[in-house]
Amino acid sequence: MILIDRAMAERQQSGNPIRVALVGAGYSGRNIAYQIIQSFPGLQLVAIANRTLQAARDAYAAAGVTDVRVVDSPSALEQSIHDKRCAIAEDASVLCKAEGIEVIIEATGTIEFGAGVVAQAIEHGKHIILGNVELDATLGPILKSFAERAGVIYSNSDGDEPGVAMNMIRFVRSIGLKPMVAGNLKGLYDRYRTPDTQKGFAEKVNQKAVTMTSFADGTKLSMELTVLANATGFRVGKRGMHGPALPHVNDSSKFYLDKLLAGGMVDFLCGAAPSNGAFVLGHTEDPVKAAYLKYLKMGEGPLYAFYTPFHLPQLEIPLTAARAVLFKDATVAPIGAPVCDAIAFAKRDLKAGETLDGIGGFACYTLIENYDVARKLGALPMGVSEGCRLKRNVPKDEVVTYADVELPQGRLCDKLRAAQNEQFF
């Protein structure tokens, strides 16, 4: 928030707020729209695209905007922006192609559709902010390379765990410590949860059962830490990570002392208080720093725990959009070749002829693995698993490989995965 709030205020005072467009008006999209309109006067939400127009209209209405214009072409959207009217569209490409939009937030949580939106937005010179960790974990490195060539910013968001951890990593480095471990504070983890087991909870919180399943079965966790790994170069100490159950995050300093990787590691803590947010372990053996850190109740060292006990993605993602436009600064983005991958494992005995139901489904859970190991296995990324037809049986808890499945024909996500491997390996 430092500097960004004042810079946004200057844009607002000059009569030139940052023009933002949003793709996706589901649970996340609605909350993002509300936050931009109600709490970020330096940003102007000029358009929302959603396959169901009414959902886009409702997202604006929930934030107090009832006068919206339906547009079906870039020129119509450009006219709407000129007229200072908010617009809704069924076709996300209208937002990608229209002049006058500086940054697009992609918040659909989809892989195939989301990849097309991001690629097109980048092609037309828009900064792209993802409220879509699933897409970033699956195709982030290749999409980031597109953004670099186009001279735009590609970033995942502040407030989600990878962004929270990355901000702390930058802070820890800035005070002279070396970040060695970073990751999530996780409350519940059960690989075998399904939409049936999560249905009741999902209804209570007005979410989809598949979304809640992806949180509980570790899929979202693995994808979030894949995003962080690809943004830092950190690897995993073992497939699926250590994930120790500890009383408090501060206890992690001792746990990891004999498990450190030279280049850094992503991991998670299960049930460790405060059980929400993200953590970073910084290292120093400098005696002056060590004495000062001990005096300030940071522990004995040489590992010191830093943590944020909350994550607020829909509330903070407008900051990411502002960072991209005002400072050309990505919150969290791949630094080059993929380092880790989020791969599919059988949640039960799977039979030949079945079609995999993807993220948060009944068929598979996800574990994070180092990318070189995953490639050697021919492991199927969870992000491309939906719609794949099994050619042979896969026993429970076994990795699903490309050799085990028949891919749907003509998908962009498969072409981009192939391009990603060709470019980096």
Protein backbone atom coordinates (compact mmCIF):
# COMPACT_ATOMS: atom_id res chain seq x y z
CA MET A 1 0.00 0.00 0.00
CA ILE A 2 2.97 2.32 0.54
CA LEU A 3 3.27 4.72 -2.43
CA ILE A 4 0.42 3.02 -4.32
CA ASP A 5 -2.34 4.80 -2.42
CA ARG A 6 -0.86 8.22 -3.08
CA ALA A 7 -0.14 7.45 -6.71
CA MET A 8 -3.74 6.31 -7.21
CA ALA A 9 -4.99 9.44 -5.49
CA GLU A 10 -2.96 11.55 -7.92
CA ARG A 11 -4.52 9.76 -10.89
CA GLN A 12 -7.96 10.37 -9.43
CA GLN A 13 -7.31 14.03 -8.69
CA SER A 14 -6.03 14.58 -12.22
CA GLY A 15 -9.28 13.21 -13.62
CA ASN A 16 -7.50 10.23 -15.11
CA PRO A 17 -8.23 7.12 -13.02
CA ILE A 18 -6.73 3.80 -14.05
CA ARG A 19 -9.19 2.14 -16.43
CA VAL A 20 -9.73 -1.49 -15.46
CA ALA A 21 -11.79 -4.23 -17.10
CA LEU A 22 -12.84 -7.47 -15.42
CA VAL A 23 -13.43 -10.89 -16.98
CA GLY A 24 -15.57 -13.13 -14.80
CA ALA A 25 -18.51 -12.19 -12.58
CA GLY A 26 -18.66 -15.21 -10.30
CA TYR A 27 -17.97 -15.18 -6.58
CA SER A 28 -14.50 -13.64 -6.93
CA GLY A 29 -15.42 -11.33 -9.78
CA ARG A 30 -18.39 -9.85 -7.93
CA ASN A 31 -16.29 -9.10 -4.88
CA ILE A 32 -13.49 -7.61 -6.98
CA ALA A 33 -15.97 -5.36 -8.76
CA TYR A 34 -17.44 -4.22 -5.45
CA GLN A 35 -14.00 -3.47 -4.02
CA ILE A 36 -12.84 -1.43 -7.01
CA ILE A 37 -16.02 0.63 -7.15
CA GLN A 38 -16.48 1.14 -3.43
CA SER A 39 -12.91 1.44 -2.13
CA PHE A 40 -10.53 2.41 -4.95
CA PRO A 41 -11.38 5.83 -6.37
CA GLY A 42 -8.10 5.81 -8.31
CA LEU A 43 -9.40 2.90 -10.38
CA GLN A 44 -12.38 2.95 -12.73
CA LEU A 45 -14.06 -0.35 -13.59
CA VAL A 46 -15.14 0.43 -17.14
CA ALA A 47 -16.37 -3.00 -18.21
CA ILE A 48 -17.20 -6.52 -17.04
CA ALA A 49 -17.36 -9.49 -19.38
CA ASN A 50 -19.20 -12.65 -18.44
CA ARG A 51 -20.77 -15.44 -20.46
CA THR A 52 -24.06 -14.69 -18.68
CA LEU A 53 -24.77 -10.99 -19.07
CA GLN A 54 -27.07 -10.88 -16.07
CA ALA A 55 -24.23 -11.92 -13.77
CA ALA A 56 -22.14 -9.00 -15.03
CA ARG A 57 -25.10 -6.66 -14.56
CA ASP A 58 -25.63 -8.00 -11.04
CA ALA A 59 -21.97 -7.47 -10.14
CA TYR A 60 -22.25 -3.80 -11.03
CA ALA A 61 -25.62 -3.49 -9.27
CA ALA A 62 -24.26 -4.99 -6.06
CA ALA A 63 -21.70 -2.18 -6.02
CA GLY A 64 -24.36 0.47 -6.59
CA VAL A 65 -24.00 0.90 -10.38
CA THR A 66 -27.30 0.35 -12.17
CA ASP A 67 -26.74 2.37 -15.35
CA VAL A 68 -24.78 -0.01 -17.57
CA ARG A 69 -24.52 -0.32 -21.32
CA VAL A 70 -24.43 -3.63 -23.18
CA VAL A 71 -21.65 -3.66 -25.79
CA ASP A 72 -20.79 -6.21 -28.44
CA SER A 73 -17.81 -4.67 -30.20
CA PRO A 74 -14.57 -2.90 -29.30
CA SER A 75 -15.80 0.33 -30.87
CA ALA A 76 -18.99 0.23 -28.81
CA LEU A 77 -16.94 -0.24 -25.65
CA GLU A 78 -14.62 2.60 -26.63
CA GLN A 79 -17.65 4.85 -27.06
CA SER A 80 -18.96 3.75 -23.67
CA ILE A 81 -15.63 4.64 -22.05
CA HIS A 82 -15.70 8.01 -23.78
CA ASP A 83 -19.22 8.59 -22.47
CA LYS A 84 -18.11 7.61 -18.95
CA ARG A 85 -20.61 4.75 -18.89
CA CYS A 86 -19.99 1.32 -17.42
CA ALA A 87 -20.33 -1.53 -19.88
CA ILE A 88 -21.06 -5.26 -19.85
CA ALA A 89 -20.32 -7.80 -22.56
CA GLU A 90 -20.76 -11.51 -23.21
CA ASP A 91 -17.60 -11.67 -25.28
CA ALA A 92 -14.36 -11.10 -23.35
CA SER A 93 -12.49 -10.36 -26.58
CA VAL A 94 -14.37 -7.06 -26.76
CA LEU A 95 -12.53 -5.98 -23.60
CA CYS A 96 -9.21 -7.32 -24.83
CA LYS A 97 -9.37 -5.42 -28.12
CA ALA A 98 -10.88 -2.09 -27.02
CA GLU A 99 -8.65 0.96 -26.73
CA GLY A 100 -8.68 2.91 -23.49
CA ILE A 101 -8.38 -0.04 -21.10
CA GLU A 102 -5.05 -0.21 -19.28
CA VAL A 103 -5.35 -3.43 -17.31
CA ILE A 104 -7.55 -6.52 -17.37
CA ILE A 105 -8.27 -8.70 -14.35
CA GLU A 106 -8.96 -12.33 -15.31
CA ALA A 107 -11.06 -13.91 -12.56
CA THR A 108 -12.79 -16.90 -14.11
CA GLY A 109 -10.75 -19.67 -12.49
CA THR A 110 -10.72 -21.47 -15.85
CA ILE A 111 -7.76 -22.80 -17.80
CA GLU A 112 -8.82 -23.14 -21.44
CA PHE A 113 -11.02 -20.04 -21.58
CA GLY A 114 -8.77 -18.02 -19.31
CA ALA A 115 -5.69 -18.78 -21.41
CA GLY A 116 -7.40 -17.40 -24.48
CA VAL A 117 -8.42 -14.21 -22.66
CA VAL A 118 -4.92 -13.63 -21.29
CA ALA A 119 -3.18 -14.28 -24.61
CA GLN A 120 -5.53 -11.92 -26.43
CA ALA A 121 -5.28 -9.20 -23.79
CA ILE A 122 -1.49 -9.33 -23.97
CA GLU A 123 -1.58 -9.24 -27.77
CA HIS A 124 -3.55 -5.99 -27.56
CA GLY A 125 -1.20 -4.34 -25.08
CA LYS A 126 -3.13 -4.76 -21.83
CA HIS A 127 -1.49 -5.46 -18.49
CA ILE A 128 -2.95 -8.69 -17.16
CA ILE A 129 -3.71 -9.46 -13.52
CA LEU A 130 -4.79 -12.96 -12.57
CA GLY A 131 -7.30 -13.79 -9.90
CA ASN A 132 -6.80 -17.25 -11.40
CA VAL A 133 -4.07 -19.26 -9.72
CA GLU A 134 -5.15 -22.37 -11.63
CA LEU A 135 -4.19 -20.82 -14.96
CA ASP A 136 -0.94 -19.36 -13.63
CA ALA A 137 0.18 -22.70 -12.18
CA THR A 138 -0.52 -24.44 -15.47
CA LEU A 139 0.66 -21.96 -18.09
CA GLY A 140 2.24 -19.03 -16.24
CA PRO A 141 5.79 -19.23 -17.65
CA ILE A 142 4.72 -19.22 -21.30
CA LEU A 143 2.11 -16.49 -20.76
CA LYS A 144 4.65 -14.37 -18.88
CA SER A 145 7.03 -14.72 -21.83
CA PHE A 146 4.28 -13.40 -24.12
CA ALA A 147 3.83 -10.42 -21.79
CA GLU A 148 7.55 -9.67 -21.74
CA ARG A 149 7.68 -9.57 -25.53
CA ALA A 150 4.63 -7.29 -25.61
CA GLY A 151 6.06 -4.96 -22.96
CA VAL A 152 3.19 -5.44 -20.50
CA ILE A 153 2.97 -6.69 -16.93
CA TYR A 154 1.71 -10.18 -16.14
CA SER A 155 1.02 -10.84 -12.46
CA ASN A 156 -0.89 -12.91 -10.00
CA SER A 157 -2.54 -10.99 -7.23
CA ASP A 158 -1.84 -9.36 -3.93
CA GLY A 159 -3.87 -10.92 -1.15
CA ASP A 160 -3.76 -14.49 -2.43
CA GLU A 161 -1.15 -16.61 -0.65
CA PRO A 162 1.51 -16.49 -3.40
CA GLY A 163 1.30 -12.70 -3.45
CA VAL A 164 1.30 -12.44 0.34
CA ALA A 165 4.38 -14.68 0.52
CA MET A 166 6.15 -12.85 -2.31
CA ASN A 167 5.66 -9.48 -0.63
CA MET A 168 7.16 -10.93 2.55
CA ILE A 169 10.07 -12.45 0.61
CA ARG A 170 10.89 -9.03 -0.79
CA PHE A 171 10.64 -7.55 2.70
CA VAL A 172 12.86 -10.23 4.24
CA ARG A 173 15.49 -9.64 1.55
CA SER A 174 15.25 -5.90 2.10
CA ILE A 175 16.28 -6.24 5.76
CA GLY A 176 19.30 -8.40 4.92
CA LEU A 177 18.04 -11.94 5.49
CA LYS A 178 17.96 -14.72 2.90
CA PRO A 179 14.51 -16.26 2.35
CA MET A 180 14.86 -20.05 2.53
CA VAL A 181 11.32 -21.40 2.95
CA ALA A 182 8.02 -19.82 1.95
CA GLY A 183 4.48 -21.01 1.71
CA ASN A 184 0.98 -21.31 3.07
CA LEU A 185 -0.59 -21.72 6.48
CA LYS A 186 -3.21 -24.41 5.89
CA GLY A 187 -6.06 -25.34 8.22
CA LEU A 188 -7.61 -28.42 6.55
CA TYR A 189 -5.98 -30.90 4.19
CA ASP A 190 -7.60 -34.15 3.07
CA ARG A 191 -6.72 -35.47 -0.40
CA TYR A 192 -9.89 -37.52 -0.67
CA ARG A 193 -12.51 -34.81 -0.22
CA THR A 194 -15.10 -34.65 -3.01
CA PRO A 195 -17.94 -32.35 -4.07
CA ASP A 196 -20.26 -34.61 -2.05
CA THR A 197 -18.30 -34.16 1.20
CA GLN A 198 -17.99 -30.40 0.65
CA LYS A 199 -21.54 -29.72 -0.54
CA GLY A 200 -22.94 -28.62 2.83
CA PHE A 201 -20.08 -26.27 3.60
CA ALA A 202 -20.19 -24.83 0.09
CA GLU A 203 -23.87 -24.00 0.49
CA LYS A 204 -23.19 -22.23 3.79
CA VAL A 205 -20.60 -19.93 2.24
CA ASN A 206 -22.41 -19.48 -1.10
CA GLN A 207 -19.67 -21.19 -3.09
CA LYS A 208 -19.49 -24.06 -5.55
CA ALA A 209 -18.82 -27.51 -4.12
CA VAL A 210 -16.00 -28.10 -6.62
CA THR A 211 -14.31 -24.89 -5.49
CA MET A 212 -14.48 -25.94 -1.85
CA THR A 213 -13.20 -29.39 -2.80
CA SER A 214 -10.16 -27.90 -4.52
CA PHE A 215 -9.38 -26.04 -1.29
CA ALA A 216 -9.76 -29.11 0.92
CA ASP A 217 -8.05 -31.77 -1.23
CA GLY A 218 -4.84 -29.77 -1.66
CA THR A 219 -5.29 -28.85 -5.31
CA LYS A 220 -5.46 -25.10 -4.69
CA LEU A 221 -2.59 -25.37 -2.22
CA SER A 222 -0.38 -27.17 -4.76
CA MET A 223 -1.25 -24.69 -7.49
CA GLU A 224 -0.63 -21.67 -5.29
CA LEU A 225 2.79 -22.95 -4.29
CA THR A 226 3.59 -23.83 -7.90
CA VAL A 227 2.95 -20.16 -8.68
CA LEU A 228 5.26 -19.13 -5.84
CA ALA A 229 7.95 -21.62 -6.87
CA ASN A 230 7.92 -20.36 -10.44
CA ALA A 231 8.21 -16.78 -9.18
CA THR A 232 11.16 -17.46 -6.87
CA GLY A 233 13.08 -20.43 -8.22
CA PHE A 234 12.29 -22.31 -5.01
CA ARG A 235 11.76 -26.08 -5.35
CA VAL A 236 10.00 -28.67 -3.18
CA GLY A 237 11.90 -30.83 -0.72
CA LYS A 238 9.77 -33.82 -1.68
CA ARG A 239 6.69 -34.57 -3.76
CA GLY A 240 3.67 -33.02 -2.09
CA MET A 241 5.93 -31.06 0.32
CA HIS A 242 6.66 -31.78 3.99
CA GLY A 243 3.55 -30.05 5.32
CA PRO A 244 4.32 -30.50 9.02
CA ALA A 245 1.59 -30.27 11.64
CA LEU A 246 3.02 -27.80 14.15
CA PRO A 247 1.49 -25.89 17.08
CA HIS A 248 2.52 -22.47 15.79
CA VAL A 249 4.22 -20.99 12.75
CA ASN A 250 7.17 -19.99 14.93
CA ASP A 251 7.93 -23.69 15.49
CA SER A 252 8.76 -24.03 11.80
CA SER A 253 12.16 -22.41 12.35
CA LYS A 254 13.41 -25.56 14.08
CA PHE A 255 11.56 -28.04 11.87
CA TYR A 256 13.20 -26.90 8.63
CA LEU A 257 16.78 -26.47 9.90
CA ASP A 258 17.91 -29.88 8.56
CA LYS A 259 15.68 -29.81 5.47
CA LEU A 260 16.76 -26.63 3.68
CA LEU A 261 17.49 -26.54 -0.04
CA ALA A 262 20.31 -24.29 -1.22
CA GLY A 263 18.08 -22.39 -3.61
CA GLY A 264 15.07 -22.14 -1.34
CA MET A 265 11.94 -24.23 -0.85
CA VAL A 266 8.17 -23.86 -0.98
CA ASP A 267 6.14 -25.74 1.62
CA PHE A 268 3.12 -25.45 3.89
CA LEU A 269 2.26 -25.80 7.57
CA CYS A 270 -0.86 -27.77 8.49
CA GLY A 271 -2.85 -26.51 11.44
CA ALA A 272 -0.08 -24.26 12.75
CA ALA A 273 -1.51 -21.20 14.48
CA PRO A 274 -2.65 -18.77 13.20
CA SER A 275 -3.62 -21.33 10.48
CA ASN A 276 -4.36 -18.70 7.83
CA GLY A 277 -2.16 -16.64 5.53
CA ALA A 278 1.44 -17.24 4.51
CA PHE A 279 4.88 -17.50 6.04
CA VAL A 280 8.53 -16.98 5.13
CA LEU A 281 11.63 -18.24 6.92
CA GLY A 282 14.60 -15.89 6.61
CA HIS A 283 18.16 -16.99 7.33
CA THR A 284 21.16 -15.18 8.74
CA GLU A 285 24.21 -16.17 10.73
CA ASP A 286 25.44 -12.59 11.06
CA PRO A 287 26.10 -12.27 14.82
CA VAL A 288 25.08 -8.62 14.95
CA LYS A 289 21.75 -9.28 13.22
CA ALA A 290 21.22 -12.45 15.27
CA ALA A 291 21.68 -10.60 18.55
CA TYR A 292 19.29 -7.85 17.46
CA LEU A 293 16.66 -10.31 16.21
CA LYS A 294 16.85 -12.22 19.50
CA TYR A 295 16.42 -8.97 21.44
CA LEU A 296 13.31 -8.23 19.37
CA LYS A 297 11.86 -11.66 20.24
CA MET A 298 12.34 -13.22 16.81
CA GLY A 299 13.98 -16.33 18.24
CA GLU A 300 17.39 -17.95 18.42
CA GLY A 301 17.96 -18.31 14.67
CA PRO A 302 19.52 -18.92 12.28
CA LEU A 303 16.01 -19.25 10.77
CA TYR A 304 13.47 -16.57 11.63
CA ALA A 305 9.75 -16.86 10.99
CA PHE A 306 7.82 -14.02 9.34
CA TYR A 307 4.12 -14.45 8.69
CA THR A 308 0.93 -12.68 7.70
CA PRO A 309 -2.08 -14.19 9.50
CA PHE A 310 -4.63 -13.39 6.78
CA HIS A 311 -5.08 -13.29 3.03
CA LEU A 312 -7.65 -11.06 1.34
CA PRO A 313 -7.42 -11.65 -2.41
CA GLN A 314 -10.60 -9.98 -3.61
CA LEU A 315 -9.92 -6.95 -1.40
CA GLU A 316 -6.27 -6.55 -2.43
CA ILE A 317 -6.23 -7.38 -6.13
CA PRO A 318 -6.96 -3.74 -7.09
CA LEU A 319 -3.55 -2.93 -5.58
CA THR A 320 -1.98 -5.37 -8.04
CA ALA A 321 -3.66 -3.63 -10.95
CA ALA A 322 -2.40 -0.27 -9.69
CA ARG A 323 1.15 -1.62 -9.21
CA ALA A 324 1.21 -2.87 -12.79
CA VAL A 325 0.01 0.38 -14.34
CA LEU A 326 1.74 2.92 -12.08
CA PHE A 327 5.04 1.21 -11.32
CA LYS A 328 5.33 -1.61 -13.90
CA ASP A 329 5.74 -3.90 -10.91
CA ALA A 330 4.39 -7.45 -10.78
CA THR A 331 3.32 -8.80 -7.40
CA VAL A 332 4.19 -12.39 -8.25
CA ALA A 333 5.09 -13.72 -11.69
CA PRO A 334 7.27 -16.47 -13.20
CA ILE A 335 10.95 -15.56 -13.48
CA GLY A 336 11.66 -17.88 -16.40
CA ALA A 337 11.42 -21.61 -16.91
CA PRO A 338 8.90 -23.47 -14.76
CA VAL A 339 10.39 -24.78 -11.52
CA CYS A 340 7.48 -26.82 -10.14
CA ASP A 341 4.31 -28.35 -11.53
CA ALA A 342 0.90 -29.25 -10.07
CA ILE A 343 0.19 -32.81 -11.23
CA ALA A 344 -2.81 -35.14 -11.06
CA PHE A 345 -3.10 -38.22 -8.83
CA ALA A 346 -5.93 -40.73 -8.69
CA LYS A 347 -8.32 -39.96 -5.83
CA ARG A 348 -9.74 -43.48 -6.18
CA ASP A 349 -9.17 -46.44 -8.47
CA LEU A 350 -9.78 -45.02 -11.94
CA LYS A 351 -10.96 -47.21 -14.79
CA ALA A 352 -10.18 -47.14 -18.50
CA GLY A 353 -12.86 -45.26 -20.39
CA GLU A 354 -13.57 -42.76 -17.60
CA THR A 355 -13.37 -39.05 -18.34
CA LEU A 356 -11.53 -36.99 -15.75
CA ASP A 357 -13.59 -34.23 -14.15
CA GLY A 358 -10.73 -31.84 -13.39
CA ILE A 359 -10.06 -29.49 -10.50
CA GLY A 360 -12.16 -30.09 -7.39
CA GLY A 361 -13.78 -33.22 -8.78
CA PHE A 362 -14.26 -36.85 -7.83
CA ALA A 363 -11.41 -38.32 -9.87
CA CYS A 364 -8.11 -36.64 -8.95
CA TYR A 365 -6.26 -34.64 -6.35
CA THR A 366 -3.12 -32.60 -6.95
CA LEU A 367 0.43 -32.73 -5.62
CA ILE A 368 3.23 -30.31 -6.37
CA GLU A 369 6.42 -31.78 -7.85
CA ASN A 370 9.65 -30.35 -9.18
CA TYR A 371 9.16 -29.69 -12.88
CA ASP A 372 12.11 -31.75 -14.07
CA VAL A 373 10.83 -34.79 -12.17
CA ALA A 374 7.27 -34.28 -13.43
CA ARG A 375 8.47 -34.06 -17.03
CA LYS A 376 10.52 -37.23 -16.67
CA LEU A 377 7.41 -39.02 -15.37
CA GLY A 378 5.29 -37.63 -18.19
CA ALA A 379 2.91 -36.49 -15.42
CA LEU A 380 -0.40 -34.94 -16.42
CA PRO A 381 -0.81 -31.39 -15.09
CA MET A 382 -4.01 -31.08 -13.10
CA GLY A 383 -4.84 -27.92 -15.02
CA VAL A 384 -5.23 -29.80 -18.31
CA SER A 385 -6.84 -32.94 -16.84
CA GLU A 386 -10.50 -32.02 -17.29
CA GLY A 387 -12.04 -33.84 -20.24
CA CYS A 388 -9.16 -36.29 -20.63
CA ARG A 389 -10.31 -39.87 -21.28
CA LEU A 390 -8.42 -42.68 -19.57
CA LYS A 391 -6.89 -45.27 -21.87
CA ARG A 392 -6.04 -47.62 -18.99
CA ASN A 393 -6.68 -48.15 -15.30
CA VAL A 394 -4.88 -45.95 -12.79
CA PRO A 395 -4.82 -47.21 -9.17
CA LYS A 396 -5.68 -44.92 -6.28
CA ASP A 397 -2.84 -42.56 -5.29
CA GLU A 398 -0.87 -43.22 -8.48
CA VAL A 399 0.21 -40.35 -10.71
CA VAL A 400 -1.81 -39.88 -13.89
CA THR A 401 0.46 -39.54 -16.92
CA TYR A 402 0.02 -38.29 -20.45
CA ALA A 403 0.43 -41.90 -21.55
CA ASP A 404 -2.64 -42.83 -19.49
CA VAL A 405 -5.03 -40.45 -21.24
CA GLU A 406 -6.41 -39.28 -24.53
CA LEU A 407 -6.48 -35.48 -24.66
CA PRO A 408 -9.49 -33.60 -26.02
CA GLN A 409 -8.83 -32.36 -29.53
CA GLY A 410 -7.80 -28.82 -30.45
CA ARG A 411 -7.33 -27.29 -27.01
CA LEU A 412 -5.31 -24.10 -26.62
CA CYS A 413 -4.04 -25.19 -23.20
CA ASP A 414 -2.32 -28.23 -24.71
CA LYS A 415 -0.72 -26.15 -27.45
CA LEU A 416 0.55 -23.68 -24.85
CA ARG A 417 1.94 -26.46 -22.63
CA ALA A 418 3.80 -27.85 -25.64
CA ALA A 419 5.11 -24.37 -26.47
CA GLN A 420 6.16 -23.88 -22.84
CA ASN A 421 8.23 -27.07 -22.84
CA GLU A 422 9.69 -26.29 -26.24
CA GLN A 423 10.69 -22.78 -25.20
CA PHE A 424 12.28 -23.64 -21.87
CA PHE A 425 13.61 -27.19 -22.24
